[in-house]
Amino acid sequence: MSLAIVTPSYRPDLQRFGRLHRSVLRHTGPDVHHFVLVPGPDVRHFRALESRRLTVLCQTDVIPGHFFSTAWFSRIPHLPRGYRITSVNLARPWPPIRGWIQQQLVKIAFVAALETDVALMVDSDVVLVRSVEEATFRRAEQVRHYRLPHGVSPAMHRHLGWRTTSARLLGLGAPSPDFADYNAGLISWSPRLVRALIDRIEQQNDGPWARVLGSQLDLSEYFLYGEYLASQLVGEEHYYCSTRSLCHSYWNELTPGSVKSFVGSLAADDVALLVQSNSGTSEAVLDQLIETLERP
């Protein structure tokens, strides 16, 4: 394999993930493999979709063995989403690992272990709509890197925090000066550069990378990777930057009447669509979206 697609997911997104995977089968070649990383209690539900081109993995099997699953606790009703935890690092029990942080640890650990040239990170609320090949995200030895200069405004407080945290963990004097954004529906990573990123984190901090990142209260893996590449610690012979995300996104509730205009505004080079999973968009409208896309 030279291109692998990686999706973290969980049971509430099972139906959306099914749509995504069907689009992967439709728009990628037979040599592209799809990996889905899910919490332990959810594995059996995703197994029904497993095939020669889809592998279902338990998240806690991917991260280091001293991370103890607490998935039973994360299922307590009415617990605020931001406080739900999925594991505890027995080597450093406090703070416990929230689902948002664990998902990032899982992605970094899994991609670092891949032997492919390109890892394409795709969330469950994305569908591919055009052909996706390795050449879409790679030029010779360079892997495509999404970077939008001046994409982070002063009002984006959480993004500003991700910039600061990334610079601190990487041992940089300050984040990159152009306030770039690195978040998108499709993110391509070089597994080789992810391994180099891990080495940098361990060199600059006291302890293994997973313990260091797991102790953070908030973090963005995409900002961490992006600020690492922007720091000039990595030669540009390994990556090239693009300001195009290749993913047409919708962040509010998509209604039946807005489906056609949303599809119609797809850019010529977009290969995917994203309808935010917490936008309140119904499953019926998402089905309508797929039907519109597939209509001759």
Protein backbone atom coordinates (compact mmCIF):
# COMPACT_ATOMS: atom_id res chain seq x y z
CA MET A 1 0.00 0.00 0.00
CA SER A 2 1.14 3.54 -0.70
CA LEU A 3 -2.06 5.28 0.48
CA ALA A 4 -4.09 4.33 3.56
CA ILE A 5 -7.30 5.99 4.75
CA VAL A 6 -7.64 6.36 8.54
CA THR A 7 -10.90 7.16 10.33
CA PRO A 8 -11.46 7.43 14.08
CA SER A 9 -15.12 6.80 14.87
CA TYR A 10 -17.60 5.53 17.44
CA ARG A 11 -21.02 3.90 17.54
CA PRO A 12 -23.21 7.05 17.25
CA ASP A 13 -21.48 7.72 13.91
CA LEU A 14 -21.87 4.16 12.58
CA GLN A 15 -24.41 5.09 9.91
CA ARG A 16 -22.34 8.04 8.74
CA PHE A 17 -19.23 5.90 8.70
CA GLY A 18 -21.06 3.40 6.51
CA ARG A 19 -21.71 6.17 3.97
CA LEU A 20 -18.07 7.21 4.10
CA HIS A 21 -16.78 3.68 3.58
CA ARG A 22 -19.10 3.07 0.64
CA SER A 23 -17.73 6.24 -0.92
CA VAL A 24 -14.17 4.99 -0.31
CA LEU A 25 -14.98 1.77 -2.16
CA ARG A 26 -16.51 3.78 -5.00
CA HIS A 27 -13.83 6.45 -5.43
CA THR A 28 -10.52 4.74 -4.58
CA GLY A 29 -8.61 1.91 -6.21
CA PRO A 30 -8.49 -1.67 -4.90
CA ASP A 31 -5.04 -1.13 -3.39
CA VAL A 32 -6.30 1.59 -1.00
CA HIS A 33 -7.12 0.20 2.44
CA HIS A 34 -9.46 1.82 4.97
CA PHE A 35 -8.81 1.56 8.72
CA VAL A 36 -11.40 2.54 11.32
CA LEU A 37 -10.31 3.03 14.95
CA VAL A 38 -13.12 2.74 17.50
CA PRO A 39 -13.57 2.35 21.29
CA GLY A 40 -13.61 -1.22 22.59
CA PRO A 41 -17.38 -1.48 23.25
CA ASP A 42 -18.09 -0.32 19.68
CA VAL A 43 -15.84 -2.78 17.83
CA ARG A 44 -18.52 -5.45 17.40
CA HIS A 45 -20.90 -2.99 15.77
CA PHE A 46 -18.33 -1.96 13.15
CA ARG A 47 -17.26 -5.56 12.48
CA ALA A 48 -20.39 -5.99 10.35
CA LEU A 49 -18.82 -3.64 7.79
CA GLU A 50 -15.39 -5.28 7.79
CA SER A 51 -14.10 -6.54 4.45
CA ARG A 52 -10.93 -7.11 2.46
CA ARG A 53 -10.58 -3.33 2.22
CA LEU A 54 -11.71 -2.35 5.71
CA THR A 55 -10.02 -3.22 8.99
CA VAL A 56 -11.70 -2.46 12.33
CA LEU A 57 -9.31 -1.77 15.21
CA CYS A 58 -9.86 -1.09 18.90
CA GLN A 59 -8.42 2.27 19.89
CA THR A 60 -6.80 1.01 23.08
CA ASP A 61 -4.96 -1.69 21.10
CA VAL A 62 -3.25 1.05 19.12
CA ILE A 63 -1.98 3.29 21.93
CA PRO A 64 0.63 2.14 24.50
CA GLY A 65 -0.39 -0.72 26.81
CA HIS A 66 -0.36 1.34 30.01
CA PHE A 67 -3.48 3.21 28.85
CA PHE A 68 -6.37 1.55 30.67
CA SER A 69 -9.82 1.77 29.07
CA THR A 70 -12.59 3.39 31.08
CA ALA A 71 -15.20 3.23 28.32
CA TRP A 72 -17.80 2.11 30.86
CA PHE A 73 -17.47 5.49 32.61
CA SER A 74 -17.77 7.47 29.38
CA ARG A 75 -21.21 5.95 28.85
CA ILE A 76 -22.72 7.47 32.02
CA PRO A 77 -25.87 9.37 30.93
CA HIS A 78 -25.99 13.17 31.11
CA LEU A 79 -22.23 13.53 31.64
CA PRO A 80 -21.19 16.61 29.61
CA ARG A 81 -19.51 15.60 26.36
CA GLY A 82 -16.32 17.50 27.15
CA TYR A 83 -15.90 15.59 30.42
CA ARG A 84 -16.35 12.07 29.05
CA ILE A 85 -13.18 10.06 29.50
CA THR A 86 -12.15 6.93 27.67
CA SER A 87 -8.92 5.82 29.35
CA VAL A 88 -6.45 6.44 32.13
CA ASN A 89 -2.70 6.42 31.68
CA LEU A 90 -1.59 4.14 34.53
CA ALA A 91 1.89 5.66 34.31
CA ARG A 92 0.36 9.09 34.98
CA PRO A 93 -3.27 8.73 36.12
CA TRP A 94 -4.08 12.42 36.30
CA PRO A 95 -5.57 13.94 34.30
CA PRO A 96 -7.63 11.08 32.84
CA ILE A 97 -7.73 10.87 29.05
CA ARG A 98 -10.81 12.39 27.49
CA GLY A 99 -12.16 10.99 24.23
CA TRP A 100 -11.04 14.06 22.26
CA ILE A 101 -7.43 13.62 23.41
CA GLN A 102 -7.40 9.83 23.07
CA GLN A 103 -8.64 10.07 19.50
CA GLN A 104 -5.61 12.20 18.68
CA LEU A 105 -3.20 9.85 20.43
CA VAL A 106 -4.69 6.96 18.48
CA LYS A 107 -4.28 8.73 15.14
CA ILE A 108 -0.67 9.68 15.83
CA ALA A 109 0.26 6.22 17.11
CA PHE A 110 -1.45 4.40 14.26
CA VAL A 111 -0.05 6.56 11.47
CA ALA A 112 3.44 6.37 12.96
CA ALA A 113 3.26 2.57 12.65
CA LEU A 114 2.10 2.59 9.02
CA GLU A 115 4.49 1.58 6.26
CA THR A 116 2.58 3.53 3.61
CA ASP A 117 3.85 6.73 2.04
CA VAL A 118 0.63 8.68 2.68
CA ALA A 119 -2.01 8.47 5.41
CA LEU A 120 -5.26 10.27 4.62
CA MET A 121 -7.19 11.24 7.74
CA VAL A 122 -10.93 11.27 7.04
CA ASP A 123 -13.67 11.71 9.67
CA SER A 124 -16.97 9.83 9.62
CA ASP A 125 -18.98 12.88 8.53
CA VAL A 126 -17.10 13.10 5.22
CA VAL A 127 -17.98 11.39 1.93
CA LEU A 128 -15.71 11.10 -1.09
CA VAL A 129 -17.31 12.37 -4.27
CA ARG A 130 -14.50 12.09 -6.82
CA SER A 131 -11.57 9.83 -7.50
CA VAL A 132 -8.89 9.84 -4.81
CA GLU A 133 -5.44 8.51 -5.65
CA GLU A 134 -2.03 8.67 -4.07
CA ALA A 135 -1.07 11.24 -6.71
CA THR A 136 -3.74 13.56 -5.25
CA PHE A 137 -1.63 13.86 -2.10
CA ARG A 138 1.92 13.14 -3.19
CA ARG A 139 4.53 14.58 -5.54
CA ALA A 140 7.56 12.28 -5.77
CA GLU A 141 8.86 12.21 -2.16
CA GLN A 142 6.72 15.15 -1.02
CA VAL A 143 3.40 14.58 0.82
CA ARG A 144 0.70 17.23 0.52
CA HIS A 145 0.22 19.42 3.61
CA TYR A 146 -2.88 21.58 4.07
CA ARG A 147 -1.90 24.98 5.44
CA LEU A 148 -4.02 28.14 5.30
CA PRO A 149 -1.99 31.25 6.27
CA HIS A 150 -3.94 33.82 8.32
CA GLY A 151 -6.71 31.26 8.78
CA VAL A 152 -6.80 31.77 12.56
CA SER A 153 -8.40 35.04 13.67
CA PRO A 154 -8.15 36.71 17.11
CA ALA A 155 -11.69 35.51 17.85
CA MET A 156 -10.71 31.83 17.42
CA HIS A 157 -9.59 31.37 21.01
CA ARG A 158 -9.37 27.58 20.95
CA HIS A 159 -7.26 27.63 17.78
CA LEU A 160 -4.96 30.19 19.38
CA GLY A 161 -4.55 27.84 22.33
CA TRP A 162 -3.68 24.96 20.00
CA ARG A 163 -0.97 27.11 18.41
CA THR A 164 0.55 27.96 21.79
CA THR A 165 0.38 24.40 23.10
CA SER A 166 1.96 23.00 19.94
CA ALA A 167 4.86 25.46 20.10
CA ARG A 168 5.45 24.64 23.76
CA LEU A 169 5.40 20.86 23.24
CA LEU A 170 7.76 21.18 20.28
CA GLY A 171 10.20 23.37 22.19
CA LEU A 172 9.76 26.32 19.83
CA GLY A 173 10.13 29.93 20.86
CA ALA A 174 6.73 30.84 19.42
CA PRO A 175 4.14 29.55 16.95
CA SER A 176 4.49 30.37 13.25
CA PRO A 177 3.92 34.12 12.72
CA ASP A 178 1.27 33.91 9.99
CA PHE A 179 -1.48 32.34 12.18
CA ALA A 180 -2.06 29.43 9.81
CA ASP A 181 -4.98 27.03 10.14
CA TYR A 182 -4.44 23.30 9.64
CA ASN A 183 -7.93 21.85 10.20
CA ALA A 184 -9.88 20.38 7.29
CA GLY A 185 -12.10 17.45 6.36
CA LEU A 186 -9.25 15.73 4.55
CA ILE A 187 -5.77 15.80 6.06
CA SER A 188 -2.83 13.99 4.49
CA TRP A 189 0.10 13.02 6.67
CA SER A 190 3.45 11.47 5.96
CA PRO A 191 3.97 8.55 8.39
CA ARG A 192 7.69 9.22 8.17
CA LEU A 193 7.17 12.82 9.33
CA VAL A 194 4.80 11.69 12.10
CA ARG A 195 7.59 9.46 13.43
CA ALA A 196 9.94 12.45 13.31
CA LEU A 197 7.32 14.53 15.14
CA ILE A 198 7.15 11.93 17.91
CA ASP A 199 10.94 12.01 18.23
CA ARG A 200 10.86 15.79 18.56
CA ILE A 201 8.22 15.70 21.29
CA GLU A 202 10.23 13.18 23.29
CA GLN A 203 13.45 15.17 22.86
CA GLN A 204 11.79 18.33 24.18
CA ASN A 205 9.76 16.83 27.03
CA ASP A 206 10.29 14.62 30.02
CA GLY A 207 8.78 11.27 29.07
CA PRO A 208 7.26 9.23 26.24
CA TRP A 209 5.27 11.20 23.67
CA ALA A 210 1.91 9.56 24.49
CA ARG A 211 2.25 10.41 28.17
CA VAL A 212 3.21 14.00 27.31
CA LEU A 213 0.28 14.52 24.96
CA GLY A 214 -2.14 12.61 27.17
CA SER A 215 -1.47 15.02 30.02
CA GLN A 216 -2.78 17.98 27.98
CA LEU A 217 -6.26 19.31 28.66
CA ASP A 218 -6.68 20.48 25.07
CA LEU A 219 -4.69 19.76 21.97
CA SER A 220 -4.92 19.60 18.17
CA GLU A 221 -2.91 16.92 16.42
CA TYR A 222 -3.24 18.82 13.14
CA PHE A 223 -1.77 21.98 14.67
CA LEU A 224 0.99 19.91 16.27
CA TYR A 225 1.94 18.38 12.91
CA GLY A 226 1.49 21.69 11.11
CA GLU A 227 3.58 23.75 13.51
CA TYR A 228 6.28 21.08 13.40
CA LEU A 229 6.51 21.37 9.63
CA ALA A 230 6.39 25.18 9.81
CA SER A 231 9.25 25.32 12.30
CA GLN A 232 11.89 24.61 9.62
CA LEU A 233 12.91 21.50 11.52
CA VAL A 234 11.73 19.56 8.49
CA GLY A 235 13.19 19.97 5.03
CA GLU A 236 10.67 20.96 2.36
CA GLU A 237 11.88 18.07 0.23
CA HIS A 238 9.52 15.95 2.37
CA TYR A 239 6.29 17.92 1.91
CA TYR A 240 4.57 20.65 -0.09
CA CYS A 241 1.88 23.06 1.13
CA SER A 242 -1.54 23.81 -0.31
CA THR A 243 -4.21 26.27 0.80
CA ARG A 244 -6.95 24.11 -0.76
CA SER A 245 -8.60 21.59 1.58
CA LEU A 246 -10.18 19.60 -1.30
CA CYS A 247 -13.22 19.13 0.96
CA HIS A 248 -16.38 21.21 0.51
CA SER A 249 -17.78 21.77 4.01
CA TYR A 250 -21.13 22.69 5.55
CA TRP A 251 -21.16 23.62 9.23
CA ASN A 252 -24.85 24.37 9.85
CA GLU A 253 -27.96 22.22 9.53
CA LEU A 254 -28.40 21.08 5.94
CA THR A 255 -32.07 21.15 4.90
CA PRO A 256 -33.79 19.41 1.96
CA GLY A 257 -34.06 22.73 0.14
CA SER A 258 -30.34 23.52 0.45
CA VAL A 259 -28.94 20.18 -0.75
CA LYS A 260 -28.93 21.06 -4.45
CA SER A 261 -27.17 24.42 -3.98
CA PHE A 262 -24.60 22.84 -1.65
CA VAL A 263 -23.73 20.17 -4.21
CA GLY A 264 -23.78 22.76 -6.98
CA SER A 265 -21.16 24.89 -5.23
CA LEU A 266 -18.63 22.04 -5.18
CA ALA A 267 -15.31 23.31 -6.56
CA ALA A 268 -13.71 21.60 -9.53
CA ASP A 269 -10.84 20.19 -7.47
CA ASP A 270 -12.86 19.13 -4.40
CA VAL A 271 -12.86 15.37 -3.89
CA ALA A 272 -15.01 15.23 -0.74
CA LEU A 273 -17.96 16.77 1.08
CA LEU A 274 -18.33 17.36 4.81
CA VAL A 275 -21.57 17.99 6.70
CA GLN A 276 -20.66 18.60 10.33
CA SER A 277 -21.90 15.71 12.49
CA ASN A 278 -23.22 17.99 15.26
CA SER A 279 -25.01 20.33 12.84
CA GLY A 280 -28.39 18.70 13.44
CA THR A 281 -28.67 17.47 9.85
CA SER A 282 -31.03 14.49 9.64
CA GLU A 283 -30.10 11.09 8.24
CA ALA A 284 -32.84 11.53 5.61
CA VAL A 285 -31.20 14.70 4.31
CA LEU A 286 -27.81 13.00 4.22
CA ASP A 287 -29.36 10.19 2.16
CA GLN A 288 -30.81 12.85 -0.14
CA LEU A 289 -27.35 14.37 -0.45
CA ILE A 290 -25.87 11.05 -1.57
CA GLU A 291 -28.69 10.48 -4.06
CA THR A 292 -28.11 13.94 -5.52
CA LEU A 293 -24.40 13.29 -5.86
CA GLU A 294 -24.91 9.94 -7.57
CA ARG A 295 -27.66 11.16 -9.93
CA PRO A 296 -26.44 11.19 -13.57
